[in-house]
Protein backbone atom coordinates (compact mmCIF):
# COMPACT_ATOMS: atom_id res chain seq x y z
CA UNK A 1 148.38 -30.93 -93.54
CA UNK A 2 151.64 -31.29 -91.61
CA UNK A 3 153.26 -28.35 -89.90
CA UNK A 4 157.03 -28.38 -90.24
CA UNK A 5 158.85 -26.84 -87.33
CA UNK A 6 162.30 -25.55 -88.10
CA UNK A 7 164.95 -26.12 -85.52
CA UNK A 8 167.33 -23.69 -87.19
CA UNK A 9 168.02 -20.49 -85.33
CA UNK A 10 168.54 -17.76 -87.93
CA UNK A 11 170.49 -15.60 -85.49
CA UNK A 12 172.88 -18.45 -84.72
CA UNK A 13 173.38 -19.17 -88.42
CA UNK A 14 174.12 -15.50 -89.06
CA UNK A 15 176.64 -15.41 -86.20
CA UNK A 16 178.36 -18.58 -87.44
CA UNK A 17 178.64 -17.20 -90.97
CA UNK A 18 179.95 -13.89 -89.63
CA UNK A 19 182.56 -15.66 -87.49
CA UNK A 20 183.65 -17.70 -90.50
CA UNK A 21 183.94 -14.59 -92.67
CA UNK A 22 186.00 -12.74 -90.05
CA UNK A 23 188.52 -15.59 -89.99
CA UNK A 24 188.43 -16.07 -93.77
CA UNK A 25 189.15 -12.39 -94.40
CA UNK A 26 192.31 -12.50 -92.26
CA UNK A 27 193.57 -15.61 -94.04
CA UNK A 28 192.65 -14.25 -97.49
CA UNK A 29 194.62 -11.05 -96.87
CA UNK A 30 197.70 -13.13 -96.03
CA UNK A 31 197.53 -15.11 -99.28
CA UNK A 32 199.90 -13.75 -101.86
CA UNK A 33 197.97 -12.54 -104.87
CA UNK A 34 199.11 -12.98 -108.44
CA UNK A 35 200.96 -9.95 -109.73
CA UNK A 36 199.19 -7.77 -112.25
CA UNK A 37 200.43 -7.68 -115.81
CA UNK A 38 201.87 -4.40 -117.02
CA UNK A 39 199.30 -2.11 -118.55
CA UNK A 40 196.50 -4.28 -117.22
CA UNK A 41 193.48 -2.22 -116.41
CA UNK A 42 190.36 -3.50 -114.80
CA UNK A 43 187.14 -2.40 -116.31
CA UNK A 44 184.77 -0.63 -113.99
CA UNK A 45 181.82 -1.30 -116.26
CA UNK A 46 180.60 -4.06 -118.52
CA UNK A 47 181.43 -3.71 -122.18
CA UNK A 48 178.90 -5.01 -124.73
CA UNK A 49 181.76 -6.65 -126.68
CA UNK A 50 182.29 -9.02 -123.75
CA UNK A 51 179.05 -10.81 -124.59
CA UNK A 52 178.41 -12.89 -127.72
């Protein structure tokens, strides 16, 4: 049986993902969002009628 040695450092991966997210969040907040339609209300729960 072969032993597979991972060369991936989980801490480094986590840090890279965190760095990416920090930059992404700044950019995402600068993107203009579509305006909401009048009387549009977002549901805070799932409605059974949404599913066939």
